[in-house]
Amino acid sequence: MIELGVVVLLSIFIGLRPVSPAFVDMMNYSDYYDAYSGMAFSFDWRTDNIIFDNLFYFFSSAGLGKDLFFLLIAIIYFVCMYFACKRLFHGEAFLVFIVCLAAFSTFSYGTNGIKAGAAASIFMLAISYHDKIIPSLLLALVSYGFHHSMQVAVVAWVIVLLYHDSRIFLFFWILCVILSALHFTLFQEIFASLTDDTGSGYLSNTNPYDNTFSLTGFRPDFILYSSVPVLLGAYMILKQKIVSKEYNLLLSFYLLTNSVWMLCMYSEFTNRIAYLSWFIYPVVLIYPFVTFLKGKRSSIPMKLVVYGHLFFTIFMTFIYY
C-alpha cells in the first residue's frame, strides 16, 4: 500500500504541476491544446504518434482540461515504471523503483519530454513481459504509438528476443565506441534515410527545431555514464560466468540501443537518442545486486552504486548544467 501511495503521490505532484516556461515542451503542449480546444475531433491516422497525438486531440476537442491530460500522462509514466519493476523484481520492486526515480533522465522526461517519457515507461513494461511474447510486443507497439522514436527500441527488442548472447552485443558496443571516436557517421546517415521526417531531421543535423538544449559532437561524458552498467555486465557475464536469460535480455537490449546512440552521436538532440537506452539504465544497473549478489557481501557495493547513481544525477542537474 505504501508503494502504491508513493506512485499515486508522484503522479499527482508531477501531473498537476503548473504550466510554466521551466518546462518548455509543456508550454508547447499547452499552446497546442488551446488551439485545438472546441474543434471537432476526428481520428488522424497520418500523425507521427498515432496514440499520443489522437489522445491529445481528443482531450483538447472535448474540453476535458489540460490539467487532466498532464495528470493522465504522469500516471502512465509512473504506474508503468512501477509495475515493470514489480514484474521484474517482485519483493525488491520498490527499491528498484526508487533507483529509477533517481536516474538522470527521470525528472526531465516526466515533466518536459513527456511524450517520450510515457512511451519509454510503457516499453519498460513491455520488457517485463519478456516471458509472454504477445503482451510484450503489443505493449511495445503501444509505446511506438506514443512516440515514433520507439521504433528503434521495438526493432532492438525483437532482435534480442531472437538472439540475446550479451557477449556479442558487448563486443559490438565496444566497436561502436571506437567508430564514434573516429567520427564515423555512415550509420547515422543510413538511419536518417530509414526513419520519418522528424527523425531524419534529428539525424541529419537539419532539424527545424531549436537545438539549444542538446550539445552536439563527441560526448565522452555520455559514454562514461553509459559505460557503468556495461562494465558491470561484462564482469557478471565474462568473469562471474552468470547464466540468466532475463539478465541477458536486459543487458543485450541496453547494449544494442546504446550502440545505436553512439553511431548517431553527432546528430541533433543526441540526448533524446541516448534516452532510448537510458530509460532502462537503472534496471540494468541494479539487477545484479538484487538477484545474483544478494547478502551482506553485496550490501556495500550496492550502496556505492546506488549513491553514486544519485550523486551523478545531482551533479548533472545542479552543477554540470
Protein backbone atom coordinates (compact mmCIF):
# COMPACT_ATOMS: atom_id res chain seq x y z
CA MET A 1 0.00 0.00 0.00
CA ILE A 2 2.85 2.41 0.83
CA GLU A 3 4.46 1.71 -2.54
CA LEU A 4 1.27 2.44 -4.47
CA GLY A 5 0.75 5.52 -2.31
CA VAL A 6 4.14 6.85 -3.43
CA VAL A 7 3.25 6.16 -7.07
CA VAL A 8 -0.08 8.00 -6.68
CA LEU A 9 1.51 10.98 -4.92
CA LEU A 10 4.22 11.25 -7.57
CA SER A 11 1.63 11.09 -10.34
CA ILE A 12 -0.43 13.85 -8.73
CA PHE A 13 2.58 16.03 -7.85
CA ILE A 14 4.10 15.83 -11.36
CA GLY A 15 0.85 15.60 -13.30
CA LEU A 16 -0.73 18.68 -11.68
CA ARG A 17 2.39 20.87 -11.84
CA PRO A 18 1.70 24.41 -13.10
CA VAL A 19 2.13 25.20 -16.77
CA SER A 20 5.44 27.02 -16.66
CA PRO A 21 8.23 28.20 -19.00
CA ALA A 22 10.53 25.99 -16.89
CA PHE A 23 9.01 23.06 -18.81
CA VAL A 24 9.48 24.06 -22.45
CA ASP A 25 7.57 21.19 -24.06
CA MET A 26 4.76 21.63 -21.55
CA MET A 27 4.29 25.21 -22.72
CA ASN A 28 4.13 23.99 -26.32
CA TYR A 29 1.53 21.35 -25.42
CA SER A 30 -0.48 24.00 -23.59
CA ASP A 31 -0.49 26.26 -26.67
CA TYR A 32 -1.47 23.36 -28.95
CA TYR A 33 -4.19 22.35 -26.50
CA ASP A 34 -5.70 25.84 -26.65
CA ALA A 35 -5.50 25.83 -30.45
CA TYR A 36 -7.44 22.54 -30.72
CA SER A 37 -9.90 23.35 -27.93
CA GLY A 38 -13.50 23.14 -29.07
CA MET A 39 -12.65 21.74 -32.52
CA ALA A 40 -14.49 18.63 -33.71
CA PHE A 41 -12.43 15.51 -33.04
CA SER A 42 -11.61 13.09 -35.83
CA PHE A 43 -9.06 10.31 -35.54
CA ASP A 44 -5.92 11.17 -37.53
CA TRP A 45 -4.18 8.09 -38.95
CA ARG A 46 -1.44 10.18 -40.56
CA THR A 47 0.06 11.69 -37.42
CA ASP A 48 3.56 10.62 -36.31
CA ASN A 49 2.48 9.44 -32.85
CA ILE A 50 -0.86 7.83 -33.54
CA ILE A 51 -1.91 7.09 -29.93
CA PHE A 52 -0.46 10.07 -28.07
CA ASP A 53 -1.43 12.68 -30.66
CA ASN A 54 -5.01 11.45 -31.04
CA LEU A 55 -5.39 11.20 -27.27
CA PHE A 56 -4.17 14.79 -27.04
CA TYR A 57 -6.57 15.93 -29.78
CA PHE A 58 -9.47 14.16 -28.06
CA PHE A 59 -8.82 15.77 -24.66
CA SER A 60 -8.46 19.19 -26.24
CA SER A 61 -11.51 18.87 -28.50
CA ALA A 62 -13.69 17.56 -25.68
CA GLY A 63 -12.58 20.34 -23.35
CA LEU A 64 -11.54 17.89 -20.65
CA GLY A 65 -8.89 20.24 -19.33
CA LYS A 66 -5.15 20.27 -19.91
CA ASP A 67 -4.52 19.52 -16.22
CA LEU A 68 -6.37 16.23 -16.59
CA PHE A 69 -4.34 15.35 -19.68
CA PHE A 70 -0.99 16.05 -17.99
CA LEU A 71 -2.17 14.05 -14.97
CA LEU A 72 -3.04 11.07 -17.18
CA ILE A 73 0.39 11.12 -18.83
CA ALA A 74 2.08 11.29 -15.42
CA ILE A 75 0.01 8.31 -14.24
CA ILE A 76 1.07 6.31 -17.30
CA TYR A 77 4.69 7.33 -16.72
CA PHE A 78 4.95 6.31 -13.06
CA VAL A 79 2.48 3.41 -12.96
CA CYS A 80 4.05 1.60 -15.92
CA MET A 81 7.51 2.17 -14.44
CA TYR A 82 6.44 0.75 -11.06
CA PHE A 83 4.67 -2.33 -12.42
CA ALA A 84 7.61 -3.06 -14.72
CA CYS A 85 9.81 -3.11 -11.59
CA LYS A 86 7.20 -5.24 -9.82
CA ARG A 87 7.21 -7.85 -12.56
CA LEU A 88 10.99 -7.97 -12.88
CA PHE A 89 11.99 -7.76 -9.22
CA HIS A 90 8.95 -8.82 -7.17
CA GLY A 91 9.86 -8.24 -3.50
CA GLU A 92 12.67 -5.83 -4.39
CA ALA A 93 10.45 -3.78 -6.72
CA PHE A 94 10.21 -0.66 -4.56
CA LEU A 95 13.99 -0.45 -4.15
CA VAL A 96 14.48 -0.64 -7.91
CA PHE A 97 11.65 1.85 -8.46
CA ILE A 98 13.45 4.33 -6.19
CA VAL A 99 16.64 3.79 -8.18
CA CYS A 100 14.65 4.51 -11.36
CA LEU A 101 13.32 7.73 -9.82
CA ALA A 102 16.89 8.81 -9.02
CA ALA A 103 18.01 8.35 -12.62
CA PHE A 104 19.48 11.28 -14.52
CA SER A 105 16.67 11.43 -17.08
CA THR A 106 13.62 10.56 -14.94
CA PHE A 107 12.55 14.05 -13.88
CA SER A 108 13.14 15.71 -17.25
CA TYR A 109 11.14 13.08 -19.13
CA GLY A 110 8.37 13.21 -16.54
CA THR A 111 7.96 16.98 -16.81
CA ASN A 112 9.35 18.10 -20.17
CA GLY A 113 9.72 15.32 -22.75
CA ILE A 114 6.52 13.72 -21.51
CA LYS A 115 5.64 12.02 -24.78
CA ALA A 116 8.95 10.14 -24.95
CA GLY A 117 8.87 9.54 -21.20
CA ALA A 118 5.44 7.89 -21.25
CA ALA A 119 6.45 5.83 -24.29
CA ALA A 120 9.61 4.63 -22.54
CA SER A 121 7.72 3.59 -19.38
CA ILE A 122 5.25 1.62 -21.46
CA PHE A 123 8.19 -0.02 -23.20
CA MET A 124 9.77 -0.88 -19.86
CA LEU A 125 6.53 -2.66 -19.02
CA ALA A 126 6.75 -4.45 -22.37
CA ILE A 127 10.23 -5.66 -21.46
CA SER A 128 8.96 -7.01 -18.13
CA TYR A 129 6.64 -9.30 -20.14
CA HIS A 130 9.59 -10.91 -21.92
CA ASP A 131 8.26 -14.33 -20.93
CA LYS A 132 4.92 -13.60 -22.65
CA ILE A 133 5.71 -12.60 -26.21
CA ILE A 134 2.27 -11.40 -27.37
CA PRO A 135 1.65 -8.95 -24.47
CA SER A 136 5.26 -7.80 -24.73
CA LEU A 137 5.04 -7.00 -28.44
CA LEU A 138 1.61 -5.38 -28.07
CA LEU A 139 2.89 -3.08 -25.33
CA ALA A 140 5.95 -2.31 -27.47
CA LEU A 141 3.64 -1.24 -30.31
CA VAL A 142 1.59 0.90 -27.91
CA SER A 143 4.85 2.53 -26.86
CA TYR A 144 5.63 3.23 -30.51
CA GLY A 145 2.16 4.74 -30.83
CA PHE A 146 3.07 7.19 -28.08
CA HIS A 147 6.37 8.28 -29.63
CA HIS A 148 7.75 7.43 -33.07
CA SER A 149 11.34 7.27 -31.77
CA MET A 150 10.48 3.98 -30.06
CA GLN A 151 10.73 2.30 -33.46
CA VAL A 152 14.42 1.87 -32.59
CA ALA A 153 13.53 0.20 -29.30
CA VAL A 154 10.94 -2.05 -30.97
CA VAL A 155 13.43 -3.29 -33.57
CA ALA A 156 16.12 -3.76 -30.92
CA TRP A 157 13.71 -5.69 -28.68
CA VAL A 158 12.70 -8.05 -31.48
CA ILE A 159 16.39 -8.65 -32.26
CA VAL A 160 17.32 -9.52 -28.67
CA LEU A 161 14.25 -11.72 -28.26
CA LEU A 162 15.54 -13.75 -31.19
CA TYR A 163 19.21 -13.61 -30.18
CA HIS A 164 20.43 -12.46 -26.78
CA ASP A 165 24.02 -13.54 -26.31
CA SER A 166 25.13 -10.44 -24.44
CA ARG A 167 28.82 -11.19 -25.12
CA ILE A 168 28.29 -10.47 -28.82
CA PHE A 169 26.42 -7.25 -28.06
CA LEU A 170 29.20 -6.27 -25.65
CA PHE A 171 31.83 -6.56 -28.38
CA PHE A 172 29.54 -4.66 -30.74
CA TRP A 173 29.20 -1.87 -28.15
CA ILE A 174 32.99 -1.58 -27.90
CA LEU A 175 33.23 -1.41 -31.70
CA CYS A 176 30.66 1.40 -31.73
CA VAL A 177 32.66 3.38 -29.16
CA ILE A 178 35.68 3.17 -31.49
CA LEU A 179 33.65 4.15 -34.57
CA SER A 180 32.14 7.08 -32.69
CA ALA A 181 35.56 8.29 -31.54
CA LEU A 182 36.69 8.16 -35.18
CA HIS A 183 33.69 10.32 -36.17
CA PHE A 184 32.30 7.57 -38.37
CA THR A 185 28.81 8.82 -39.36
CA LEU A 186 27.81 6.46 -42.16
CA PHE A 187 25.29 4.62 -39.96
CA GLN A 188 23.79 7.93 -38.85
CA GLU A 189 23.10 8.73 -42.50
CA ILE A 190 21.64 5.25 -43.10
CA PHE A 191 19.32 5.55 -40.08
CA ALA A 192 18.25 9.01 -41.29
CA SER A 193 17.16 7.50 -44.61
CA LEU A 194 15.08 4.83 -42.86
CA THR A 195 13.15 6.92 -40.34
CA ASP A 196 10.36 9.51 -40.69
CA ASP A 197 10.84 13.21 -41.48
CA THR A 198 11.22 14.33 -37.87
CA GLY A 199 13.69 11.57 -37.03
CA SER A 200 15.58 12.26 -40.25
CA GLY A 201 15.87 15.90 -39.23
CA TYR A 202 17.40 14.92 -35.90
CA LEU A 203 19.89 12.53 -37.52
CA SER A 204 20.92 14.64 -40.49
CA ASN A 205 21.53 17.79 -38.42
CA THR A 206 18.84 19.65 -40.36
CA ASN A 207 16.20 19.53 -37.65
CA PRO A 208 13.95 22.60 -37.94
CA TYR A 209 13.50 22.94 -34.18
CA ASP A 210 15.79 24.75 -31.78
CA ASN A 211 18.68 22.60 -30.55
CA THR A 212 19.69 24.83 -27.63
CA PHE A 213 19.20 22.02 -25.12
CA SER A 214 21.38 19.46 -26.87
CA LEU A 215 25.14 19.68 -27.21
CA THR A 216 26.40 18.01 -30.36
CA GLY A 217 29.71 16.34 -31.09
CA PHE A 218 31.66 13.58 -29.39
CA ARG A 219 30.30 13.10 -25.86
CA PRO A 220 32.82 11.40 -23.54
CA ASP A 221 30.61 12.35 -20.57
CA PHE A 222 27.68 10.42 -22.03
CA ILE A 223 29.93 7.47 -22.89
CA LEU A 224 31.33 7.38 -19.36
CA TYR A 225 27.83 7.45 -17.91
CA SER A 226 26.61 4.76 -20.31
CA SER A 227 29.59 2.50 -19.61
CA VAL A 228 28.82 1.78 -15.93
CA PRO A 229 26.17 -0.93 -16.48
CA VAL A 230 28.27 -2.19 -19.41
CA LEU A 231 31.33 -2.72 -17.21
CA LEU A 232 29.20 -4.31 -14.53
CA GLY A 233 27.56 -6.56 -17.12
CA ALA A 234 30.95 -7.57 -18.54
CA TYR A 235 32.06 -8.54 -15.03
CA MET A 236 28.92 -10.59 -14.44
CA ILE A 237 28.95 -12.37 -17.81
CA LEU A 238 32.66 -12.79 -18.54
CA LYS A 239 34.19 -13.01 -15.05
CA GLN A 240 31.43 -14.46 -12.87
CA LYS A 241 30.02 -16.60 -15.72
CA ILE A 242 26.47 -15.69 -14.75
CA VAL A 243 23.83 -17.51 -16.78
CA SER A 244 20.46 -15.76 -16.76
CA LYS A 245 18.13 -15.39 -19.72
CA GLU A 246 16.37 -12.39 -18.17
CA TYR A 247 19.60 -10.53 -17.44
CA ASN A 248 20.95 -11.36 -20.89
CA LEU A 249 17.80 -9.89 -22.44
CA LEU A 250 18.01 -6.71 -20.38
CA LEU A 251 21.73 -6.24 -20.89
CA SER A 252 21.59 -7.09 -24.61
CA PHE A 253 18.76 -4.61 -25.18
CA TYR A 254 20.65 -1.89 -23.34
CA LEU A 255 23.88 -2.61 -25.23
CA LEU A 256 22.17 -2.60 -28.61
CA THR A 257 20.14 0.58 -28.11
CA ASN A 258 23.10 2.38 -26.55
CA SER A 259 25.24 1.29 -29.51
CA VAL A 260 22.70 2.86 -31.88
CA TRP A 261 23.03 6.12 -29.97
CA MET A 262 26.83 6.05 -30.29
CA LEU A 263 26.54 5.51 -34.04
CA CYS A 264 24.34 8.63 -34.12
CA MET A 265 26.24 10.66 -31.50
CA TYR A 266 26.95 13.60 -33.81
CA SER A 267 23.28 14.21 -34.59
CA GLU A 268 20.95 16.89 -33.29
CA PHE A 269 19.26 16.10 -29.96
CA THR A 270 21.76 13.34 -29.19
CA ASN A 271 20.35 13.18 -25.64
CA ARG A 272 16.95 12.09 -27.00
CA ILE A 273 18.56 9.22 -28.90
CA ALA A 274 20.57 8.28 -25.82
CA TYR A 275 17.33 8.10 -23.83
CA LEU A 276 16.27 5.10 -25.93
CA SER A 277 18.78 3.13 -23.86
CA TRP A 278 18.93 5.25 -20.72
CA PHE A 279 15.32 4.61 -19.73
CA ILE A 280 16.29 1.00 -18.90
CA TYR A 281 19.67 2.08 -17.41
CA PRO A 282 18.65 1.91 -13.69
CA VAL A 283 17.17 -1.58 -14.12
CA VAL A 284 20.28 -2.96 -15.82
CA LEU A 285 22.50 -1.21 -13.27
CA ILE A 286 20.82 -2.59 -10.14
CA TYR A 287 19.79 -6.02 -11.47
CA PRO A 288 22.96 -7.97 -10.46
CA PHE A 289 22.83 -6.68 -6.89
CA VAL A 290 19.25 -7.73 -6.18
CA THR A 291 19.46 -11.08 -7.98
CA PHE A 292 22.97 -12.55 -8.21
CA LEU A 293 24.80 -10.75 -5.39
CA LYS A 294 22.32 -10.88 -2.53
CA GLY A 295 23.67 -10.93 1.00
CA LYS A 296 25.97 -8.94 3.27
CA ARG A 297 28.93 -9.13 0.87
CA SER A 298 27.00 -7.19 -1.77
CA SER A 299 25.44 -4.56 0.51
CA ILE A 300 28.39 -2.14 0.43
CA PRO A 301 28.96 -2.35 -3.38
CA MET A 302 25.22 -1.92 -3.95
CA LYS A 303 25.11 1.15 -1.70
CA LEU A 304 28.07 2.62 -3.55
CA VAL A 305 26.34 2.07 -6.89
CA VAL A 306 23.01 3.49 -5.68
CA TYR A 307 24.60 6.54 -4.02
CA GLY A 308 26.93 7.07 -6.98
CA HIS A 309 23.93 6.90 -9.32
CA LEU A 310 22.10 9.52 -7.25
CA PHE A 311 25.19 11.72 -6.92
CA PHE A 312 25.64 11.73 -10.70
CA THR A 313 22.05 12.95 -11.14
CA ILE A 314 22.56 15.70 -8.57
CA PHE A 315 25.88 16.71 -10.14
CA MET A 316 24.46 16.85 -13.68
CA THR A 317 21.33 18.73 -12.58
CA PHE A 318 22.78 21.35 -10.26
CA ILE A 319 26.44 21.69 -11.33
CA TYR A 320 27.12 20.44 -14.87
CA TYR A 321 24.09 22.08 -16.48
